[in-house]
N, C-alpha and C. Protein backbone atom coordinates (compact mmCIF):
# COMPACT_ATOMS: atom_id res chain seq x y z
N LEU A 1 87.40 135.93 155.18
CA LEU A 1 86.55 135.87 153.98
C LEU A 1 86.50 134.33 153.43
N PRO A 2 85.39 133.92 152.98
CA PRO A 2 85.37 132.54 152.45
C PRO A 2 86.06 132.30 151.14
N ALA A 3 86.47 131.07 150.92
CA ALA A 3 87.15 130.81 149.80
C ALA A 3 86.22 131.00 148.64
N LEU A 4 86.89 131.40 147.44
CA LEU A 4 86.02 131.83 146.31
C LEU A 4 84.94 130.81 145.74
N GLY A 5 85.30 129.45 145.82
CA GLY A 5 84.46 128.59 145.43
C GLY A 5 83.38 128.18 146.37
N SER A 6 83.48 128.51 147.57
CA SER A 6 82.62 128.16 148.63
C SER A 6 81.13 128.61 148.49
N CYS A 7 81.12 129.94 148.10
CA CYS A 7 79.74 130.51 147.78
C CYS A 7 79.02 129.88 146.80
N ARG A 8 79.79 129.47 145.63
CA ARG A 8 78.92 128.73 144.59
C ARG A 8 78.61 127.35 145.01
N HIS A 9 79.29 126.67 145.93
CA HIS A 9 78.93 125.39 146.35
C HIS A 9 77.70 125.66 147.27
N PHE A 10 77.63 126.61 148.10
CA PHE A 10 76.50 126.83 148.94
C PHE A 10 75.32 127.06 148.14
N TRP A 11 75.23 127.83 147.13
CA TRP A 11 74.12 127.95 146.23
C TRP A 11 73.72 126.67 145.45
N GLY A 12 74.73 125.95 145.12
CA GLY A 12 74.37 124.66 144.33
C GLY A 12 73.64 123.74 145.40
N TRP A 13 74.03 123.75 146.66
CA TRP A 13 73.36 122.85 147.58
C TRP A 13 71.99 123.53 147.96
N LEU A 14 71.71 124.76 147.92
CA LEU A 14 70.38 125.34 148.19
C LEU A 14 69.58 125.02 147.04
N ASN A 15 70.05 125.27 145.83
CA ASN A 15 69.25 124.86 144.59
C ASN A 15 68.84 123.39 144.65
N ALA A 16 69.76 122.44 145.10
CA ALA A 16 69.33 121.09 145.30
C ALA A 16 68.29 120.88 146.28
N VAL A 17 68.27 121.61 147.32
CA VAL A 17 67.15 121.72 148.34
C VAL A 17 65.70 122.21 147.70
N PHE A 18 65.97 123.21 146.84
CA PHE A 18 64.63 123.73 146.26
C PHE A 18 64.13 122.72 145.34
N ASN A 19 64.85 121.80 144.72
CA ASN A 19 64.42 120.87 143.78
C ASN A 19 64.02 119.40 144.50
N LYS A 20 64.11 119.47 145.64
CA LYS A 20 63.73 118.25 146.39
C LYS A 20 62.27 117.89 146.24
N VAL A 21 61.77 116.84 145.77
CA VAL A 21 60.39 116.45 145.57
C VAL A 21 59.72 116.17 146.83
N ASP A 22 58.61 116.86 147.15
CA ASP A 22 57.71 116.57 148.39
C ASP A 22 56.43 115.83 147.85
N TYR A 23 56.51 114.48 147.80
CA TYR A 23 55.47 113.72 147.38
C TYR A 23 54.26 113.90 148.17
N GLU A 24 54.25 114.03 149.50
CA GLU A 24 53.02 114.36 150.39
C GLU A 24 52.46 115.69 149.89
N ARG A 25 53.24 116.63 149.58
CA ARG A 25 52.69 117.97 149.02
C ARG A 25 51.87 117.73 147.90
N ILE A 26 52.49 117.01 146.97
CA ILE A 26 51.77 116.80 145.58
C ILE A 26 50.39 116.08 145.86
N GLN A 27 50.36 115.08 146.85
CA GLN A 27 49.09 114.57 147.32
C GLN A 27 48.15 115.40 147.87
N ALA A 28 48.66 116.32 148.75
CA ALA A 28 47.84 117.17 149.55
C ALA A 28 47.13 118.29 148.70
N VAL A 29 48.00 118.90 147.69
CA VAL A 29 47.44 120.08 147.06
C VAL A 29 47.29 119.88 145.56
N GLY A 30 47.64 118.68 145.09
CA GLY A 30 47.54 118.42 143.52
C GLY A 30 48.73 118.63 142.89
N PRO A 31 49.00 118.20 141.63
CA PRO A 31 50.28 118.17 140.89
C PRO A 31 50.52 119.67 140.45
N ASP A 32 49.38 120.44 140.00
CA ASP A 32 49.60 121.79 139.44
C ASP A 32 50.01 122.79 140.42
N ARG A 33 49.51 122.65 141.72
CA ARG A 33 49.81 123.61 142.78
C ARG A 33 51.26 123.22 143.18
N ALA A 34 51.55 121.84 143.45
CA ALA A 34 52.87 121.55 143.83
C ALA A 34 53.85 122.06 142.90
N ALA A 35 53.63 121.75 141.65
CA ALA A 35 54.66 122.03 140.48
C ALA A 35 54.87 123.48 140.43
N SER A 36 53.67 124.28 140.70
CA SER A 36 53.86 125.68 140.63
C SER A 36 54.83 126.26 141.75
N GLU A 37 54.55 125.54 142.91
CA GLU A 37 55.39 126.01 144.13
C GLU A 37 56.80 125.66 143.83
N TRP A 38 57.12 124.60 143.18
CA TRP A 38 58.64 124.14 142.92
C TRP A 38 59.19 125.12 141.92
N LEU A 39 58.47 125.40 140.84
CA LEU A 39 58.96 126.13 139.68
C LEU A 39 59.19 127.51 140.12
N LEU A 40 58.24 128.19 140.85
CA LEU A 40 58.44 129.50 141.35
C LEU A 40 59.65 129.65 142.42
N ARG A 41 59.73 128.57 143.24
CA ARG A 41 60.74 128.51 144.21
C ARG A 41 62.14 128.50 143.55
N CYS A 42 62.31 127.92 142.36
CA CYS A 42 63.38 127.85 141.59
C CYS A 42 63.56 128.92 140.68
N GLY A 43 62.78 129.92 140.64
CA GLY A 43 62.87 131.20 139.87
C GLY A 43 62.29 131.07 138.49
N ALA A 44 61.48 129.99 138.17
CA ALA A 44 60.78 130.10 136.84
C ALA A 44 59.42 130.69 136.88
N LEU A 45 58.72 130.85 135.90
CA LEU A 45 57.41 131.41 135.70
C LEU A 45 56.40 130.36 135.29
N VAL A 46 55.18 130.47 135.75
CA VAL A 46 54.14 129.66 135.11
C VAL A 46 52.91 130.43 134.66
N ARG A 47 52.20 130.08 133.57
CA ARG A 47 51.06 130.59 133.18
C ARG A 47 49.95 129.38 133.28
N TYR A 48 48.83 129.97 133.83
CA TYR A 48 47.72 128.92 133.97
C TYR A 48 46.78 128.98 132.71
N ARG A 49 46.11 127.78 132.57
CA ARG A 49 45.14 127.73 131.48
C ARG A 49 44.03 128.75 131.59
N GLY A 50 43.72 129.42 130.58
CA GLY A 50 42.73 130.55 130.58
C GLY A 50 43.13 131.78 131.24
N TYR A 51 44.41 132.01 131.35
CA TYR A 51 45.03 133.33 131.97
C TYR A 51 46.00 133.75 131.02
N GLU A 52 46.25 134.97 130.94
CA GLU A 52 47.20 135.52 130.04
C GLU A 52 48.51 135.93 130.92
N LYS A 53 48.33 136.32 132.13
CA LYS A 53 49.46 136.75 132.95
C LYS A 53 50.30 135.57 133.57
N TRP A 54 51.69 135.87 133.47
CA TRP A 54 52.55 134.88 134.02
C TRP A 54 52.65 135.14 135.49
N GLN A 55 52.52 133.94 136.27
CA GLN A 55 52.70 133.99 137.76
C GLN A 55 54.21 133.92 138.10
N GLN A 56 54.71 134.93 138.73
CA GLN A 56 56.06 134.86 139.13
C GLN A 56 56.46 135.06 140.76
N ASP A 57 55.32 135.43 141.40
CA ASP A 57 55.59 135.61 142.79
C ASP A 57 55.03 134.36 143.66
N TYR A 58 55.90 133.74 144.28
CA TYR A 58 55.49 132.50 145.02
C TYR A 58 54.52 132.89 146.11
N ASN A 59 54.58 134.10 146.72
CA ASN A 59 53.55 134.56 147.77
C ASN A 59 52.33 134.91 147.11
N GLY A 60 52.48 135.15 145.89
CA GLY A 60 51.02 135.59 145.24
C GLY A 60 50.41 134.48 144.47
N LEU A 61 50.73 133.26 144.73
CA LEU A 61 50.13 132.07 144.14
C LEU A 61 48.58 132.12 144.31
N PRO A 62 47.81 131.93 143.41
CA PRO A 62 46.29 132.02 143.42
C PRO A 62 45.80 130.94 144.45
N THR A 63 44.72 131.38 145.08
CA THR A 63 44.12 130.47 145.91
C THR A 63 42.70 130.06 145.34
N GLY A 64 42.11 129.16 145.85
CA GLY A 64 40.84 128.68 145.46
C GLY A 64 40.85 127.22 145.45
N PRO A 65 39.66 126.67 144.94
CA PRO A 65 39.50 125.22 144.92
C PRO A 65 40.72 124.44 144.32
N LEU A 66 41.18 123.30 144.96
CA LEU A 66 42.29 122.50 144.41
C LEU A 66 41.95 122.10 143.09
N GLY A 67 42.80 122.24 142.13
CA GLY A 67 42.62 121.81 140.80
C GLY A 67 42.16 122.89 140.01
N LYS A 68 41.81 124.05 140.39
CA LYS A 68 41.31 125.08 139.60
C LYS A 68 42.40 125.65 138.57
N TYR A 69 43.54 125.89 139.07
CA TYR A 69 44.59 126.46 138.21
C TYR A 69 45.48 125.27 137.72
N LYS A 70 45.55 125.18 136.27
CA LYS A 70 46.14 124.18 135.65
C LYS A 70 47.37 124.86 134.86
N ILE A 71 48.58 124.41 135.04
CA ILE A 71 49.84 125.00 134.40
C ILE A 71 49.69 124.66 132.85
N GLU A 72 49.79 125.74 132.12
CA GLU A 72 49.71 125.74 130.66
C GLU A 72 51.08 125.82 129.95
N ALA A 73 51.74 126.77 130.59
CA ALA A 73 53.16 127.15 130.06
C ALA A 73 54.17 127.31 131.23
N ILE A 74 55.33 126.90 130.94
CA ILE A 74 56.61 127.13 131.87
C ILE A 74 57.66 127.96 131.17
N ASN A 75 57.99 129.01 131.96
CA ASN A 75 59.23 129.87 131.49
C ASN A 75 60.26 129.57 132.52
N ALA A 76 61.25 128.79 132.20
CA ALA A 76 62.31 128.50 133.29
C ALA A 76 63.50 129.24 132.96
N THR A 77 63.45 130.44 132.49
CA THR A 77 64.64 131.30 132.23
C THR A 77 65.50 131.68 133.30
N GLU A 78 66.68 131.31 133.31
CA GLU A 78 67.56 131.70 134.42
C GLU A 78 67.14 131.04 135.84
N SER A 79 66.39 129.98 135.77
CA SER A 79 65.83 129.21 136.90
C SER A 79 67.02 128.08 137.37
N CYS A 80 66.76 127.58 138.53
CA CYS A 80 67.60 126.71 139.10
C CYS A 80 66.98 125.25 139.04
N ILE A 81 66.05 125.09 138.21
CA ILE A 81 65.38 123.88 138.09
C ILE A 81 66.41 122.57 137.62
N MET A 82 66.26 121.48 138.19
CA MET A 82 67.32 120.41 137.96
C MET A 82 66.55 119.11 137.95
N TYR A 83 67.26 118.15 137.33
CA TYR A 83 66.70 116.75 137.21
C TYR A 83 65.93 116.17 138.46
N ARG A 84 66.47 116.46 139.66
CA ARG A 84 66.01 115.80 140.70
C ARG A 84 64.40 116.45 141.05
N GLY A 85 64.04 117.64 140.49
CA GLY A 85 62.83 118.05 140.74
C GLY A 85 61.74 117.64 139.68
N PHE A 86 62.29 116.98 138.62
CA PHE A 86 61.30 116.81 137.47
C PHE A 86 60.13 115.79 137.75
N ASP A 87 60.14 115.27 138.96
CA ASP A 87 59.00 114.38 139.23
C ASP A 87 57.80 115.37 139.43
N TYR A 88 57.89 116.55 139.65
CA TYR A 88 56.79 117.48 139.79
C TYR A 88 56.21 117.55 138.44
N LEU A 89 56.71 117.22 137.28
CA LEU A 89 56.11 117.43 136.06
C LEU A 89 55.23 116.31 135.66
N ASP A 90 55.31 115.25 136.47
CA ASP A 90 54.65 113.89 136.02
C ASP A 90 53.00 114.12 135.98
N GLY A 91 52.48 114.83 137.03
CA GLY A 91 50.97 114.90 136.97
C GLY A 91 50.42 116.04 136.35
N LEU A 92 51.27 116.79 135.53
CA LEU A 92 50.73 117.96 134.77
C LEU A 92 50.29 117.47 133.39
N GLU A 93 48.91 117.80 133.18
CA GLU A 93 48.28 117.30 131.99
C GLU A 93 47.97 118.42 130.98
N HIS A 94 48.31 119.61 131.23
CA HIS A 94 47.94 120.76 130.29
C HIS A 94 49.01 121.55 129.85
N VAL A 95 50.11 121.15 130.05
CA VAL A 95 51.36 122.03 129.70
C VAL A 95 51.57 122.00 128.14
N THR A 96 51.40 123.02 127.49
CA THR A 96 51.65 123.05 126.02
C THR A 96 52.87 123.60 125.67
N GLU A 97 53.52 124.49 126.51
CA GLU A 97 54.69 125.15 126.09
C GLU A 97 55.82 125.22 127.31
N ILE A 98 57.00 124.98 127.07
CA ILE A 98 58.11 125.04 127.92
C ILE A 98 59.32 125.84 127.21
N LYS A 99 59.84 126.74 128.01
CA LYS A 99 60.97 127.39 127.64
C LYS A 99 62.21 127.26 128.60
N LEU A 100 63.22 126.71 128.27
CA LEU A 100 64.28 126.62 129.09
C LEU A 100 65.52 127.42 128.48
N GLN A 101 65.82 128.47 129.29
CA GLN A 101 66.85 129.41 128.72
C GLN A 101 67.75 129.71 129.92
N LYS A 102 69.05 129.62 129.61
CA LYS A 102 70.15 129.98 130.52
C LYS A 102 69.89 129.11 131.98
N CYS A 103 69.39 127.84 131.76
CA CYS A 103 69.34 126.97 132.79
C CYS A 103 70.64 126.05 133.11
N ILE A 104 71.42 126.55 134.03
CA ILE A 104 72.77 125.93 134.12
C ILE A 104 72.61 124.35 134.59
N TYR A 105 71.65 123.89 135.17
CA TYR A 105 71.35 122.58 135.73
C TYR A 105 70.66 121.72 134.69
N ILE A 106 70.31 122.28 133.44
CA ILE A 106 69.50 121.57 132.55
C ILE A 106 70.65 120.67 131.69
N GLN A 107 70.54 119.41 131.50
CA GLN A 107 71.44 118.53 130.87
C GLN A 107 70.50 117.54 130.01
N ASP A 108 71.29 116.63 129.38
CA ASP A 108 70.80 115.68 128.60
C ASP A 108 69.78 114.83 129.35
N GLU A 109 70.13 114.36 130.64
CA GLU A 109 69.20 113.51 131.44
C GLU A 109 67.87 114.25 131.62
N CYS A 110 67.86 115.57 131.77
CA CYS A 110 66.60 116.30 131.99
C CYS A 110 65.62 116.20 130.70
N LEU A 111 66.39 116.38 129.53
CA LEU A 111 65.50 116.36 128.31
C LEU A 111 65.03 115.02 128.08
N GLN A 112 65.75 113.95 128.49
CA GLN A 112 65.25 112.60 128.33
C GLN A 112 64.21 112.34 129.33
N ARG A 113 64.23 112.91 130.61
CA ARG A 113 63.15 112.70 131.66
C ARG A 113 61.84 113.54 130.98
N LEU A 114 62.16 114.68 130.52
CA LEU A 114 60.97 115.51 129.96
C LEU A 114 60.22 114.58 128.90
N SER A 115 60.98 114.02 127.94
CA SER A 115 60.47 113.28 126.87
C SER A 115 59.82 111.96 127.34
N GLU A 116 60.09 111.49 128.53
CA GLU A 116 59.51 110.21 128.99
C GLU A 116 58.34 110.34 129.74
N THR A 117 58.00 111.69 130.07
CA THR A 117 56.96 112.12 130.93
C THR A 117 55.51 111.89 130.22
N LYS A 118 54.83 110.89 130.42
CA LYS A 118 53.68 110.55 129.58
C LYS A 118 52.73 111.68 129.48
N ASN A 119 52.30 112.46 130.43
CA ASN A 119 51.38 113.58 130.13
C ASN A 119 52.09 114.70 129.29
N LEU A 120 53.43 114.86 129.33
CA LEU A 120 53.92 115.86 128.54
C LEU A 120 53.99 115.30 126.97
N GLN A 121 54.11 113.94 126.85
CA GLN A 121 54.11 113.44 125.51
C GLN A 121 52.82 113.70 124.78
N LYS A 122 51.76 113.91 125.57
CA LYS A 122 50.59 114.20 125.08
C LYS A 122 50.27 115.50 124.88
N SER A 123 50.50 116.45 125.78
CA SER A 123 50.18 117.80 125.78
C SER A 123 51.27 118.77 125.21
N LEU A 124 52.54 118.55 125.34
CA LEU A 124 53.59 119.42 124.93
C LEU A 124 53.49 119.72 123.38
N LEU A 125 53.28 120.94 123.06
CA LEU A 125 53.32 121.53 121.57
C LEU A 125 54.56 122.25 121.26
N GLN A 126 55.09 123.07 122.15
CA GLN A 126 56.22 124.01 121.84
C GLN A 126 57.36 123.79 123.01
N LEU A 127 58.59 123.96 122.52
CA LEU A 127 59.79 123.65 123.34
C LEU A 127 60.87 124.59 122.91
N LYS A 128 61.41 125.34 123.79
CA LYS A 128 62.42 126.25 123.26
C LYS A 128 63.64 125.97 124.27
N ILE A 129 64.91 125.63 123.72
CA ILE A 129 66.06 125.47 124.49
C ILE A 129 67.08 126.38 124.11
N ILE A 130 67.46 127.29 124.96
CA ILE A 130 68.34 128.46 124.65
C ILE A 130 69.32 128.55 125.67
N SER A 131 70.64 128.49 125.31
CA SER A 131 71.83 128.97 126.15
C SER A 131 71.77 127.97 127.38
N CYS A 132 71.61 126.66 127.06
CA CYS A 132 71.80 125.71 128.28
C CYS A 132 73.14 124.95 127.78
N GLY A 133 74.13 125.22 128.43
CA GLY A 133 75.44 124.75 128.06
C GLY A 133 75.83 123.34 128.21
N ASN A 134 74.82 122.51 128.90
CA ASN A 134 75.06 121.18 129.30
C ASN A 134 74.26 120.30 128.37
N VAL A 135 73.47 120.85 127.34
CA VAL A 135 72.75 120.00 126.53
C VAL A 135 73.55 119.76 125.37
N THR A 136 73.61 118.46 125.03
CA THR A 136 74.24 117.90 123.83
C THR A 136 73.31 117.29 122.71
N ASP A 137 73.71 116.78 121.68
CA ASP A 137 72.94 116.09 120.69
C ASP A 137 72.11 115.00 121.25
N LYS A 138 72.73 114.21 122.14
CA LYS A 138 72.01 113.08 122.84
C LYS A 138 70.72 113.60 123.56
N GLY A 139 70.93 114.75 124.13
CA GLY A 139 69.62 115.32 124.80
C GLY A 139 68.47 115.78 123.88
N ILE A 140 68.99 116.37 122.80
CA ILE A 140 68.02 116.83 121.72
C ILE A 140 67.37 115.50 121.05
N ILE A 141 68.12 114.57 120.75
CA ILE A 141 67.58 113.24 120.17
C ILE A 141 66.53 112.59 121.10
N ALA A 142 66.91 112.75 122.42
CA ALA A 142 65.95 112.06 123.40
C ALA A 142 64.70 112.74 123.38
N LEU A 143 64.42 113.82 122.73
CA LEU A 143 63.07 114.40 122.58
C LEU A 143 62.18 113.73 121.72
N HIS A 144 62.48 112.79 120.99
CA HIS A 144 61.77 111.97 120.04
C HIS A 144 60.49 111.46 120.58
N LYS A 145 60.42 111.22 121.97
CA LYS A 145 59.15 110.47 122.47
C LYS A 145 58.17 111.72 122.67
N LEU A 146 58.37 112.87 122.45
CA LEU A 146 57.32 114.03 122.57
C LEU A 146 56.41 114.04 121.34
N THR A 147 55.70 113.01 121.12
CA THR A 147 55.08 112.92 119.99
C THR A 147 54.08 113.89 119.46
N ASN A 148 53.72 114.71 120.25
CA ASN A 148 52.83 115.82 119.79
C ASN A 148 53.53 117.17 119.61
N LEU A 149 54.78 117.07 119.88
CA LEU A 149 55.64 118.43 119.80
C LEU A 149 55.57 118.89 118.35
N GLU A 150 55.10 120.10 118.08
CA GLU A 150 54.87 120.79 116.95
C GLU A 150 56.09 121.94 116.58
N TYR A 151 56.70 122.32 117.55
CA TYR A 151 57.70 123.42 117.34
C TYR A 151 58.84 123.17 118.37
N LEU A 152 60.08 123.28 117.83
CA LEU A 152 61.35 123.14 118.68
C LEU A 152 62.18 124.23 118.19
N TYR A 153 62.51 125.14 119.26
CA TYR A 153 63.57 126.20 118.88
C TYR A 153 64.79 125.95 119.69
N LEU A 154 65.91 125.92 119.03
CA LEU A 154 67.21 125.57 119.53
C LEU A 154 68.22 126.85 119.28
N SER A 155 68.75 127.29 120.45
CA SER A 155 69.70 128.56 120.00
C SER A 155 70.79 128.45 121.14
N ASP A 156 71.98 128.77 120.81
CA ASP A 156 73.13 128.96 121.44
C ASP A 156 73.24 127.73 122.30
N LEU A 157 73.56 126.61 121.81
CA LEU A 157 73.77 125.35 122.56
C LEU A 157 75.24 124.72 122.00
N PRO A 158 76.13 125.23 122.74
CA PRO A 158 77.63 124.57 122.14
C PRO A 158 77.77 123.24 122.29
N GLY A 159 77.05 122.49 123.02
CA GLY A 159 77.15 121.18 123.09
C GLY A 159 76.69 120.27 121.97
N ILE A 160 75.94 121.05 121.05
CA ILE A 160 75.41 120.36 119.86
C ILE A 160 76.44 120.37 118.74
N ARG A 161 77.00 119.27 118.46
CA ARG A 161 78.11 119.18 117.44
C ARG A 161 77.77 118.73 116.06
N GLU A 162 76.62 117.93 116.00
CA GLU A 162 76.21 117.32 114.83
C GLU A 162 74.75 117.82 114.42
N LYS A 163 74.67 119.14 114.29
CA LYS A 163 73.23 119.56 114.29
C LYS A 163 72.39 119.03 113.11
N GLU A 164 73.09 118.86 111.91
CA GLU A 164 72.30 118.38 110.84
C GLU A 164 71.87 116.92 111.08
N THR A 165 72.78 116.16 111.57
CA THR A 165 72.29 114.56 111.82
C THR A 165 71.31 114.69 113.01
N THR A 166 71.45 115.34 113.90
CA THR A 166 70.68 115.37 115.09
C THR A 166 69.12 115.93 114.70
N VAL A 167 69.12 116.94 113.94
CA VAL A 167 67.77 117.39 113.33
C VAL A 167 67.16 116.32 112.56
N ARG A 168 67.94 115.78 111.70
CA ARG A 168 67.37 114.76 110.73
C ARG A 168 66.81 113.55 111.48
N ILE A 169 67.60 112.98 112.66
CA ILE A 169 67.04 111.90 113.46
C ILE A 169 65.77 112.38 114.01
N LEU A 170 65.74 113.54 114.57
CA LEU A 170 64.52 114.03 115.25
C LEU A 170 63.24 114.18 114.38
N GLN A 171 63.52 114.77 113.13
CA GLN A 171 62.65 114.85 112.22
C GLN A 171 62.02 113.58 111.63
N GLN A 172 62.86 112.56 111.55
CA GLN A 172 62.42 111.26 111.13
C GLN A 172 61.48 110.69 112.11
N ALA A 173 61.74 110.81 113.45
CA ALA A 173 60.92 110.35 114.43
C ALA A 173 59.56 111.23 114.60
N LEU A 174 59.72 112.47 114.31
CA LEU A 174 58.68 113.48 114.49
C LEU A 174 58.45 114.21 113.16
N PRO A 175 57.88 113.60 112.12
CA PRO A 175 57.70 114.20 110.77
C PRO A 175 57.04 115.57 110.72
N ASP A 176 56.15 115.86 111.81
CA ASP A 176 55.34 117.05 111.70
C ASP A 176 56.04 118.27 112.43
N LEU A 177 57.21 117.91 113.01
CA LEU A 177 57.91 118.79 113.97
C LEU A 177 58.69 119.98 112.97
N GLU A 178 58.36 121.20 113.51
CA GLU A 178 59.01 122.36 112.74
C GLU A 178 60.27 122.64 113.81
N VAL A 179 61.47 122.55 113.24
CA VAL A 179 62.59 122.77 114.00
C VAL A 179 63.17 124.12 113.52
N GLU A 180 63.51 125.03 114.42
CA GLU A 180 64.11 126.40 114.12
C GLU A 180 65.47 126.31 114.84
N LEU A 181 66.48 126.55 114.08
CA LEU A 181 67.84 126.54 114.58
C LEU A 181 68.47 127.92 114.67
N ASP A 182 69.14 128.29 115.81
CA ASP A 182 70.11 129.51 115.71
C ASP A 182 71.38 128.90 116.49
N LEU A 183 71.98 128.00 115.67
CA LEU A 183 73.19 127.36 116.18
C LEU A 183 74.36 127.74 115.27
N GLU A 184 75.51 128.06 115.99
CA GLU A 184 76.69 128.37 115.15
C GLU A 184 77.54 127.05 115.05
């Protein structure tokens, strides 16, 4: 039998492979299709602009003219997305909402990278961060560059130690931001 930790190490390696950015693929099929493939491969869901249904099946990705399907929403609940794959987000121009829930690889650097993504600074309106144990105050404060963010929901984030100070700093930078907290 393999050692107890070796199985976990294997999955960590496989998840890192799923997050490797294929820049040639982005060029070939466009940013939304490439990002859809990445997100679904990692276990996330996407919803396209003009559609109600969430896409969850990698093999069922819609076909049609390149650029027809634009990602509007991402639900990364229990997905294995990690920092190394975030370059896929750069070309997305229509993402208005993102949900990060129970994402074990999401950490402060991921939120900082999210906040520094120019297109997301313009388009992202709603962000939910729930049960991501590696997120701290530093990561939440880093979101201040998401200048059009209207709603931020934070829940079950044990790494946030100074919630009042963190929220105050964020709301000074983003006065129109509504922050909903469910933190103990």
